[in-house]
Amino acid sequence: MSKLSEHLRQAGVLQSAFAEVLGVSRGHLSALISGARLPSLDLAVRIERETAGAVPAASWVPVPDPPAVAEGACLAPGLRTLPAVQMAPALSQNSLTDTRHPDGAEGRLP
C-alpha cells in the first residue's frame, strides 16, 4: 500500500476528491497510487502540501538497493588481497648528507 493510499484511507478522503484538489484526473491519481506512474516534482510537492507532510515529496524517489558484496569479494577484478605497500627505507645520518644523482655520480655535501 502506498503512503498516499494509506493517508487517504486514514483521512477518509476519496481518490476522486483528492484528484480534484490536485487538479489531476482520477486515473492519473490511481496510477500514482498503484506505482504505475511517478509524479512530477511539482505534483509531488503539491501532494506533500495537501497531505500536511504525511506524504513527503521525497517518498516518491525510488531508493536503489546497495550492490551485494559477496564473501571474499575484492576491490578490483583479479585482486585477491590488498596490494602490499612498500615502505620507504629509514633515513640514516648518512642519507641526510648523501648526494646521489640519477646519473650514478656520487658525492658528499661539504
Protein backbone atom coordinates (compact mmCIF):
# COMPACT_ATOMS: atom_id res chain seq x y z
CA MET A 1 0.00 0.00 0.00
CA SER A 2 1.44 3.38 -0.96
CA LYS A 3 1.88 6.19 1.55
CA LEU A 4 -0.67 8.24 -0.35
CA SER A 5 -3.21 5.43 -0.41
CA GLU A 6 -2.74 4.86 3.30
CA HIS A 7 -3.07 8.58 4.04
CA LEU A 8 -6.27 8.94 2.00
CA ARG A 9 -7.78 5.88 3.68
CA GLN A 10 -6.91 7.11 7.18
CA ALA A 11 -8.16 10.63 6.41
CA GLY A 12 -11.37 9.28 4.85
CA VAL A 13 -10.73 11.16 1.60
CA LEU A 14 -11.96 9.70 -1.69
CA GLN A 15 -9.42 9.42 -4.50
CA SER A 16 -11.73 11.32 -6.82
CA ALA A 17 -11.97 14.24 -4.37
CA PHE A 18 -8.20 14.32 -3.82
CA ALA A 19 -7.56 14.15 -7.57
CA GLU A 20 -9.80 17.19 -7.99
CA VAL A 21 -7.91 19.09 -5.27
CA LEU A 22 -4.62 18.30 -7.03
CA GLY A 23 -6.01 19.16 -10.46
CA VAL A 24 -5.34 15.72 -11.96
CA SER A 25 -7.64 13.03 -13.29
CA ARG A 26 -8.75 10.19 -11.06
CA GLY A 27 -6.98 7.81 -13.45
CA HIS A 28 -3.72 9.71 -13.05
CA LEU A 29 -4.04 9.62 -9.26
CA SER A 30 -4.87 5.92 -9.40
CA ALA A 31 -1.71 5.30 -11.46
CA LEU A 32 0.34 7.18 -8.86
CA ILE A 33 -1.15 5.18 -6.01
CA SER A 34 -0.58 1.85 -7.77
CA GLY A 35 3.02 2.77 -8.59
CA ALA A 36 2.43 2.65 -12.33
CA ARG A 37 3.49 6.30 -12.60
CA LEU A 38 5.64 8.73 -10.65
CA PRO A 39 4.53 12.32 -10.08
CA SER A 40 6.40 15.29 -11.46
CA LEU A 41 8.36 17.25 -8.87
CA ASP A 42 5.65 19.91 -8.89
CA LEU A 43 2.91 17.35 -8.26
CA ALA A 44 4.93 15.56 -5.56
CA VAL A 45 5.32 18.89 -3.73
CA ARG A 46 1.58 19.61 -4.09
CA ILE A 47 0.79 16.18 -2.64
CA GLU A 48 3.15 16.87 0.27
CA ARG A 49 1.44 20.20 0.95
CA GLU A 50 -2.11 18.84 0.62
CA THR A 51 -1.32 15.96 2.99
CA ALA A 52 0.36 18.31 5.50
CA GLY A 53 3.64 16.44 5.06
CA ALA A 54 2.21 12.96 5.62
CA VAL A 55 3.30 12.02 2.09
CA PRO A 56 6.66 13.78 1.57
CA ALA A 57 7.82 14.56 -1.95
CA ALA A 58 10.96 12.50 -1.28
CA SER A 59 8.82 9.39 -0.71
CA TRP A 60 8.29 9.14 -4.48
CA VAL A 61 12.02 8.82 -5.21
CA PRO A 62 12.98 5.17 -5.50
CA VAL A 63 15.93 4.21 -3.32
CA PRO A 64 18.15 1.66 -5.06
CA ASP A 65 19.34 -1.37 -3.14
CA PRO A 66 23.05 -1.27 -2.37
CA PRO A 67 25.10 -3.64 -4.51
CA ALA A 68 25.57 -7.06 -2.94
CA VAL A 69 29.09 -7.81 -1.83
CA ALA A 70 29.92 -11.50 -1.83
CA GLU A 71 32.04 -13.03 0.89
CA GLY A 72 35.68 -12.72 -0.09
CA ALA A 73 34.95 -10.03 -2.67
CA CYS A 74 37.85 -7.81 -3.56
CA LEU A 75 38.28 -4.20 -4.55
CA ALA A 76 39.38 -4.81 -8.12
CA PRO A 77 38.88 -7.68 -10.58
CA GLY A 78 41.60 -10.27 -10.21
CA LEU A 79 42.89 -8.79 -6.97
CA ARG A 80 42.63 -11.27 -4.10
CA THR A 81 44.15 -9.09 -1.39
CA LEU A 82 45.08 -5.51 -0.97
CA PRO A 83 48.46 -4.77 -2.54
CA ALA A 84 51.37 -4.51 -0.13
CA VAL A 85 52.62 -1.02 0.44
CA GLN A 86 56.37 -0.68 0.02
CA MET A 87 57.72 1.37 2.86
CA ALA A 88 60.47 3.91 2.27
CA PRO A 89 63.79 2.91 3.87
CA ALA A 90 64.52 4.52 7.17
CA LEU A 91 66.65 7.62 7.00
CA SER A 92 70.15 7.29 8.37
CA GLN A 93 72.61 10.02 9.23
CA ASN A 94 74.49 9.30 6.00
CA SER A 95 71.38 9.57 3.87
CA LEU A 96 70.96 13.16 5.01
CA THR A 97 74.33 14.17 3.53
CA ASP A 98 74.46 11.73 0.62
CA THR A 99 74.10 13.43 -2.77
CA ARG A 100 73.48 10.57 -5.16
CA HIS A 101 72.50 11.74 -8.60
CA PRO A 102 70.25 9.92 -11.07
CA ASP A 103 73.22 9.51 -13.45
CA GLY A 104 75.08 7.45 -10.83
CA ALA A 105 77.63 10.08 -9.78
CA GLU A 106 78.12 10.25 -6.04
CA GLY A 107 79.39 12.95 -3.78
CA ARG A 108 79.07 14.32 -0.29
CA LEU A 109 77.98 17.71 0.85
CA PRO A 110 80.72 19.82 2.42
